[in-house]
Amino acid sequence: MYSLVKHNGLRHILERELLPFVIALVIAQVYFKWGSFVLELVGFIATWLVLGFVVERLLRATGR
């Protein structure tokens, strides 16, 4: 994680990943009640990954 922040810069990472992170966190808190921390964590990370991919595609399509 440190090398990612060092290479890309904190501002760049926050611009790209903050919105998908918050949305994935809310989805995980509201909908993921699987009774296992590990399963809920994996679900959260998978949701964050998919939302990050979608946001990245949208930003590329708009030229940002």
PDB file of N, CA and C in Angstrom:
ATOM      1  N   MET A   1       0.830  -1.187   0.000  1.00  0.00           N
ATOM      2  CA  MET A   1       0.000   0.000   0.000  1.00  0.00           C
ATOM      3  C   MET A   1       0.879   1.258   0.000  1.00  0.00           C
ATOM      4  N   TYR A   2       1.964   1.220   0.770  1.00  0.00           N
ATOM      5  CA  TYR A   2       2.850   2.379   0.812  1.00  0.00           C
ATOM      6  C   TYR A   2       3.410   2.698  -0.567  1.00  0.00           C
ATOM      7  N   SER A   3       3.858   1.672  -1.283  1.00  0.00           N
ATOM      8  CA  SER A   3       4.437   1.917  -2.608  1.00  0.00           C
ATOM      9  C   SER A   3       3.383   2.435  -3.581  1.00  0.00           C
ATOM     10  N   LEU A   4       2.142   1.991  -3.427  1.00  0.00           N
ATOM     11  CA  LEU A   4       1.060   2.489  -4.275  1.00  0.00           C
ATOM     12  C   LEU A   4       0.845   3.980  -4.053  1.00  0.00           C
ATOM     13  N   VAL A   5       0.803   4.397  -2.796  1.00  0.00           N
ATOM     14  CA  VAL A   5       0.614   5.813  -2.476  1.00  0.00           C
ATOM     15  C   VAL A   5       1.825   6.621  -2.913  1.00  0.00           C
ATOM     16  N   LYS A   6       3.014   6.072  -2.683  1.00  0.00           N
ATOM     17  CA  LYS A   6       4.236   6.788  -3.064  1.00  0.00           C
ATOM     18  C   LYS A   6       4.328   6.963  -4.580  1.00  0.00           C
ATOM     19  N   HIS A   7       3.952   5.934  -5.322  1.00  0.00           N
ATOM     20  CA  HIS A   7       4.071   5.972  -6.782  1.00  0.00           C
ATOM     21  C   HIS A   7       3.009   6.870  -7.408  1.00  0.00           C
ATOM     22  N   ASN A   8       1.754   6.755  -6.968  1.00  0.00           N
ATOM     23  CA  ASN A   8       0.659   7.483  -7.602  1.00  0.00           C
ATOM     24  C   ASN A   8       0.295   8.784  -6.906  1.00  0.00           C
ATOM     25  N   GLY A   9       0.636   8.920  -5.660  1.00  0.00           N
ATOM     26  CA  GLY A   9       0.280  10.120  -4.908  1.00  0.00           C
ATOM     27  C   GLY A   9      -1.061   9.947  -4.216  1.00  0.00           C
ATOM     28  N   LEU A  10      -1.150  10.475  -3.025  1.00  0.00           N
ATOM     29  CA  LEU A  10      -2.358  10.324  -2.220  1.00  0.00           C
ATOM     30  C   LEU A  10      -3.560  10.999  -2.870  1.00  0.00           C
ATOM     31  N   ARG A  11      -3.357  12.165  -3.458  1.00  0.00           N
ATOM     32  CA  ARG A  11      -4.471  12.882  -4.070  1.00  0.00           C
ATOM     33  C   ARG A  11      -5.088  12.079  -5.217  1.00  0.00           C
ATOM     34  N   HIS A  12      -4.240  11.507  -6.050  1.00  0.00           N
ATOM     35  CA  HIS A  12      -4.712  10.691  -7.179  1.00  0.00           C
ATOM     36  C   HIS A  12      -5.522   9.499  -6.679  1.00  0.00           C
ATOM     37  N   ILE A  13      -5.027   8.826  -5.670  1.00  0.00           N
ATOM     38  CA  ILE A  13      -5.725   7.658  -5.122  1.00  0.00           C
ATOM     39  C   ILE A  13      -7.057   8.068  -4.518  1.00  0.00           C
ATOM     40  N   LEU A  14      -7.090   9.161  -3.777  1.00  0.00           N
ATOM     41  CA  LEU A  14      -8.346   9.615  -3.188  1.00  0.00           C
ATOM     42  C   LEU A  14      -9.357  10.010  -4.259  1.00  0.00           C
ATOM     43  N   GLU A  15      -8.902  10.656  -5.319  1.00  0.00           N
ATOM     44  CA  GLU A  15      -9.812  11.039  -6.402  1.00  0.00           C
ATOM     45  C   GLU A  15     -10.425   9.819  -7.074  1.00  0.00           C
ATOM     46  N   ARG A  16      -9.655   8.761  -7.220  1.00  0.00           N
ATOM     47  CA  ARG A  16     -10.117   7.574  -7.947  1.00  0.00           C
ATOM     48  C   ARG A  16     -10.850   6.584  -7.055  1.00  0.00           C
ATOM     49  N   GLU A  17     -10.472   6.447  -5.803  1.00  0.00           N
ATOM     50  CA  GLU A  17     -10.959   5.342  -4.986  1.00  0.00           C
ATOM     51  C   GLU A  17     -11.850   5.732  -3.812  1.00  0.00           C
ATOM     52  N   LEU A  18     -11.944   6.993  -3.469  1.00  0.00           N
ATOM     53  CA  LEU A  18     -12.733   7.366  -2.295  1.00  0.00           C
ATOM     54  C   LEU A  18     -14.219   7.080  -2.491  1.00  0.00           C
ATOM     55  N   LEU A  19     -14.780   7.471  -3.615  1.00  0.00           N
ATOM     56  CA  LEU A  19     -16.203   7.235  -3.870  1.00  0.00           C
ATOM     57  C   LEU A  19     -16.539   5.740  -3.930  1.00  0.00           C
ATOM     58  N   PRO A  20     -15.794   4.921  -4.696  1.00  0.00           N
ATOM     59  CA  PRO A  20     -16.086   3.481  -4.679  1.00  0.00           C
ATOM     60  C   PRO A  20     -15.914   2.861  -3.293  1.00  0.00           C
ATOM     61  N   PHE A  21     -14.929   3.326  -2.532  1.00  0.00           N
ATOM     62  CA  PHE A  21     -14.711   2.810  -1.181  1.00  0.00           C
ATOM     63  C   PHE A  21     -15.908   3.087  -0.281  1.00  0.00           C
ATOM     64  N   VAL A  22     -16.397   4.313  -0.296  1.00  0.00           N
ATOM     65  CA  VAL A  22     -17.527   4.687   0.567  1.00  0.00           C
ATOM     66  C   VAL A  22     -18.785   3.924   0.159  1.00  0.00           C
ATOM     67  N   ILE A  23     -19.053   3.827  -1.124  1.00  0.00           N
ATOM     68  CA  ILE A  23     -20.236   3.097  -1.597  1.00  0.00           C
ATOM     69  C   ILE A  23     -20.137   1.623  -1.222  1.00  0.00           C
ATOM     70  N   ALA A  24     -18.965   1.016  -1.418  1.00  0.00           N
ATOM     71  CA  ALA A  24     -18.782  -0.395  -1.063  1.00  0.00           C
ATOM     72  C   ALA A  24     -18.922  -0.599   0.439  1.00  0.00           C
ATOM     73  N   LEU A  25     -18.444   0.333   1.231  1.00  0.00           N
ATOM     74  CA  LEU A  25     -18.570   0.238   2.685  1.00  0.00           C
ATOM     75  C   LEU A  25     -20.034   0.282   3.112  1.00  0.00           C
ATOM     76  N   VAL A  26     -20.802   1.180   2.523  1.00  0.00           N
ATOM     77  CA  VAL A  26     -22.229   1.273   2.846  1.00  0.00           C
ATOM     78  C   VAL A  26     -22.957   0.007   2.414  1.00  0.00           C
ATOM     79  N   ILE A  27     -22.669  -0.496   1.218  1.00  0.00           N
ATOM     80  CA  ILE A  27     -23.302  -1.729   0.747  1.00  0.00           C
ATOM     81  C   ILE A  27     -22.974  -2.879   1.687  1.00  0.00           C
ATOM     82  N   ALA A  28     -21.719  -2.983   2.085  1.00  0.00           N
ATOM     83  CA  ALA A  28     -21.310  -4.074   2.975  1.00  0.00           C
ATOM     84  C   ALA A  28     -22.000  -3.961   4.331  1.00  0.00           C
ATOM     85  N   GLN A  29     -22.112  -2.757   4.860  1.00  0.00           N
ATOM     86  CA  GLN A  29     -22.745  -2.582   6.168  1.00  0.00           C
ATOM     87  C   GLN A  29     -24.237  -2.882   6.126  1.00  0.00           C
ATOM     88  N   VAL A  30     -24.881  -2.539   5.038  1.00  0.00           N
ATOM     89  CA  VAL A  30     -26.330  -2.703   4.950  1.00  0.00           C
ATOM     90  C   VAL A  30     -26.725  -4.118   4.529  1.00  0.00           C
ATOM     91  N   TYR A  31     -26.032  -4.690   3.557  1.00  0.00           N
ATOM     92  CA  TYR A  31     -26.496  -5.927   2.945  1.00  0.00           C
ATOM     93  C   TYR A  31     -25.708  -7.182   3.325  1.00  0.00           C
ATOM     94  N   PHE A  32     -24.456  -7.062   3.691  1.00  0.00           N
ATOM     95  CA  PHE A  32     -23.645  -8.256   3.932  1.00  0.00           C
ATOM     96  C   PHE A  32     -23.757  -8.666   5.390  1.00  0.00           C
ATOM     97  N   LYS A  33     -24.633  -9.614   5.671  1.00  0.00           N
ATOM     98  CA  LYS A  33     -24.830 -10.154   7.014  1.00  0.00           C
ATOM     99  C   LYS A  33     -24.637 -11.659   6.948  1.00  0.00           C
ATOM    100  N   TRP A  34     -23.434 -12.087   6.635  1.00  0.00           N
ATOM    101  CA  TRP A  34     -23.158 -13.491   6.397  1.00  0.00           C
ATOM    102  C   TRP A  34     -22.683 -14.224   7.643  1.00  0.00           C
ATOM    103  N   GLY A  35     -22.509 -13.549   8.753  1.00  0.00           N
ATOM    104  CA  GLY A  35     -22.116 -14.190   9.995  1.00  0.00           C
ATOM    105  C   GLY A  35     -20.644 -14.527  10.101  1.00  0.00           C
ATOM    106  N   SER A  36     -19.851 -14.106   9.142  1.00  0.00           N
ATOM    107  CA  SER A  36     -18.419 -14.370   9.166  1.00  0.00           C
ATOM    108  C   SER A  36     -17.688 -13.101   8.734  1.00  0.00           C
ATOM    109  N   PHE A  37     -16.759 -12.664   9.564  1.00  0.00           N
ATOM    110  CA  PHE A  37     -15.999 -11.460   9.240  1.00  0.00           C
ATOM    111  C   PHE A  37     -15.243 -11.624   7.927  1.00  0.00           C
ATOM    112  N   VAL A  38     -14.648 -12.778   7.744  1.00  0.00           N
ATOM    113  CA  VAL A  38     -13.839 -13.009   6.542  1.00  0.00           C
ATOM    114  C   VAL A  38     -14.701 -12.956   5.285  1.00  0.00           C
ATOM    115  N   LEU A  39     -15.867 -13.584   5.310  1.00  0.00           N
ATOM    116  CA  LEU A  39     -16.747 -13.542   4.141  1.00  0.00           C
ATOM    117  C   LEU A  39     -17.218 -12.122   3.854  1.00  0.00           C
ATOM    118  N   GLU A  40     -17.565 -11.393   4.898  1.00  0.00           N
ATOM    119  CA  GLU A  40     -18.010 -10.015   4.694  1.00  0.00           C
ATOM    120  C   GLU A  40     -16.871  -9.137   4.191  1.00  0.00           C
ATOM    121  N   LEU A  41     -15.652  -9.371   4.668  1.00  0.00           N
ATOM    122  CA  LEU A  41     -14.490  -8.623   4.194  1.00  0.00           C
ATOM    123  C   LEU A  41     -14.218  -8.906   2.723  1.00  0.00           C
ATOM    124  N   VAL A  42     -14.284 -10.171   2.335  1.00  0.00           N
ATOM    125  CA  VAL A  42     -14.077 -10.545   0.930  1.00  0.00           C
ATOM    126  C   VAL A  42     -15.166  -9.921   0.059  1.00  0.00           C
ATOM    127  N   GLY A  43     -16.410  -9.940   0.535  1.00  0.00           N
ATOM    128  CA  GLY A  43     -17.499  -9.305  -0.202  1.00  0.00           C
ATOM    129  C   GLY A  43     -17.295  -7.811  -0.355  1.00  0.00           C
ATOM    130  N   PHE A  44     -16.833  -7.166   0.715  1.00  0.00           N
ATOM    131  CA  PHE A  44     -16.554  -5.728   0.662  1.00  0.00           C
ATOM    132  C   PHE A  44     -15.451  -5.421  -0.346  1.00  0.00           C
ATOM    133  N   ILE A  45     -14.366  -6.187  -0.292  1.00  0.00           N
ATOM    134  CA  ILE A  45     -13.242  -5.940  -1.205  1.00  0.00           C
ATOM    135  C   ILE A  45     -13.651  -6.208  -2.649  1.00  0.00           C
ATOM    136  N   ALA A  46     -14.429  -7.262  -2.883  1.00  0.00           N
ATOM    137  CA  ALA A  46     -14.900  -7.545  -4.245  1.00  0.00           C
ATOM    138  C   ALA A  46     -15.814  -6.432  -4.748  1.00  0.00           C
ATOM    139  N   THR A  47     -16.692  -5.937  -3.882  1.00  0.00           N
ATOM    140  CA  THR A  47     -17.580  -4.835  -4.265  1.00  0.00           C
ATOM    141  C   THR A  47     -16.777  -3.580  -4.568  1.00  0.00           C
ATOM    142  N   TRP A  48     -15.773  -3.289  -3.748  1.00  0.00           N
ATOM    143  CA  TRP A  48     -14.913  -2.126  -3.958  1.00  0.00           C
ATOM    144  C   TRP A  48     -14.157  -2.264  -5.282  1.00  0.00           C
ATOM    145  N   LEU A  49     -13.688  -3.459  -5.581  1.00  0.00           N
ATOM    146  CA  LEU A  49     -12.976  -3.698  -6.837  1.00  0.00           C
ATOM    147  C   LEU A  49     -13.873  -3.439  -8.043  1.00  0.00           C
ATOM    148  N   VAL A  50     -15.082  -3.967  -8.009  1.00  0.00           N
ATOM    149  CA  VAL A  50     -16.012  -3.781  -9.132  1.00  0.00           C
ATOM    150  C   VAL A  50     -16.393  -2.310  -9.281  1.00  0.00           C
ATOM    151  N   LEU A  51     -16.705  -1.652  -8.173  1.00  0.00           N
ATOM    152  CA  LEU A  51     -17.067  -0.233  -8.244  1.00  0.00           C
ATOM    153  C   LEU A  51     -15.888   0.623  -8.706  1.00  0.00           C
ATOM    154  N   GLY A  52     -14.681   0.291  -8.269  1.00  0.00           N
ATOM    155  CA  GLY A  52     -13.486   1.005  -8.733  1.00  0.00           C
ATOM    156  C   GLY A  52     -13.287   0.853 -10.230  1.00  0.00           C
ATOM    157  N   PHE A  53     -13.536  -0.354 -10.736  1.00  0.00           N
ATOM    158  CA  PHE A  53     -13.440  -0.604 -12.171  1.00  0.00           C
ATOM    159  C   PHE A  53     -14.451   0.237 -12.940  1.00  0.00           C
ATOM    160  N   VAL A  54     -15.694   0.276 -12.441  1.00  0.00           N
ATOM    161  CA  VAL A  54     -16.747   1.051 -13.106  1.00  0.00           C
ATOM    162  C   VAL A  54     -16.411   2.536 -13.107  1.00  0.00           C
ATOM    163  N   VAL A  55     -15.960   3.054 -11.984  1.00  0.00           N
ATOM    164  CA  VAL A  55     -15.608   4.477 -11.899  1.00  0.00           C
ATOM    165  C   VAL A  55     -14.442   4.797 -12.823  1.00  0.00           C
ATOM    166  N   GLU A  56     -13.448   3.926 -12.858  1.00  0.00           N
ATOM    167  CA  GLU A  56     -12.302   4.136 -13.747  1.00  0.00           C
ATOM    168  C   GLU A  56     -12.732   4.188 -15.208  1.00  0.00           C
ATOM    169  N   ARG A  57     -13.620   3.292 -15.596  1.00  0.00           N
ATOM    170  CA  ARG A  57     -14.135   3.292 -16.984  1.00  0.00           C
ATOM    171  C   ARG A  57     -14.925   4.567 -17.282  1.00  0.00           C
ATOM    172  N   LEU A  58     -15.738   4.985 -16.320  1.00  0.00           N
ATOM    173  CA  LEU A  58     -16.514   6.223 -16.521  1.00  0.00           C
ATOM    174  C   LEU A  58     -15.609   7.439 -16.643  1.00  0.00           C
ATOM    175  N   LEU A  59     -14.570   7.491 -15.821  1.00  0.00           N
ATOM    176  CA  LEU A  59     -13.648   8.626 -15.891  1.00  0.00           C
ATOM    177  C   LEU A  59     -12.872   8.628 -17.199  1.00  0.00           C
ATOM    178  N   ARG A  60     -12.488   7.451 -17.666  1.00  0.00           N
ATOM    179  CA  ARG A  60     -11.799   7.375 -18.960  1.00  0.00           C
ATOM    180  C   ARG A  60     -12.708   7.799 -20.100  1.00  0.00           C
ATOM    181  N   ALA A  61     -13.975   7.417 -20.025  1.00  0.00           N
ATOM    182  CA  ALA A  61     -14.933   7.761 -21.085  1.00  0.00           C
ATOM    183  C   ALA A  61     -15.177   9.266 -21.138  1.00  0.00           C
ATOM    184  N   THR A  62     -15.116   9.937 -19.992  1.00  0.00           N
ATOM    185  CA  THR A  62     -15.347  11.382 -19.958  1.00  0.00           C
ATOM    186  C   THR A  62     -14.060  12.165 -20.157  1.00  0.00           C
ATOM    187  N   GLY A  63     -12.920  11.470 -20.255  1.00  0.00           N
ATOM    188  CA  GLY A  63     -11.664  12.149 -20.517  1.00  0.00           C
ATOM    189  C   GLY A  63     -10.961  12.689 -19.291  1.00  0.00           C
ATOM    190  N   ARG A  64     -11.301  12.229 -18.122  1.00  0.00           N
ATOM    191  CA  ARG A  64     -10.647  12.702 -16.891  1.00  0.00           C
ATOM    192  C   ARG A  64      -9.496  11.854 -16.532  1.00  0.00           C
TER     193      ARG A  64
END
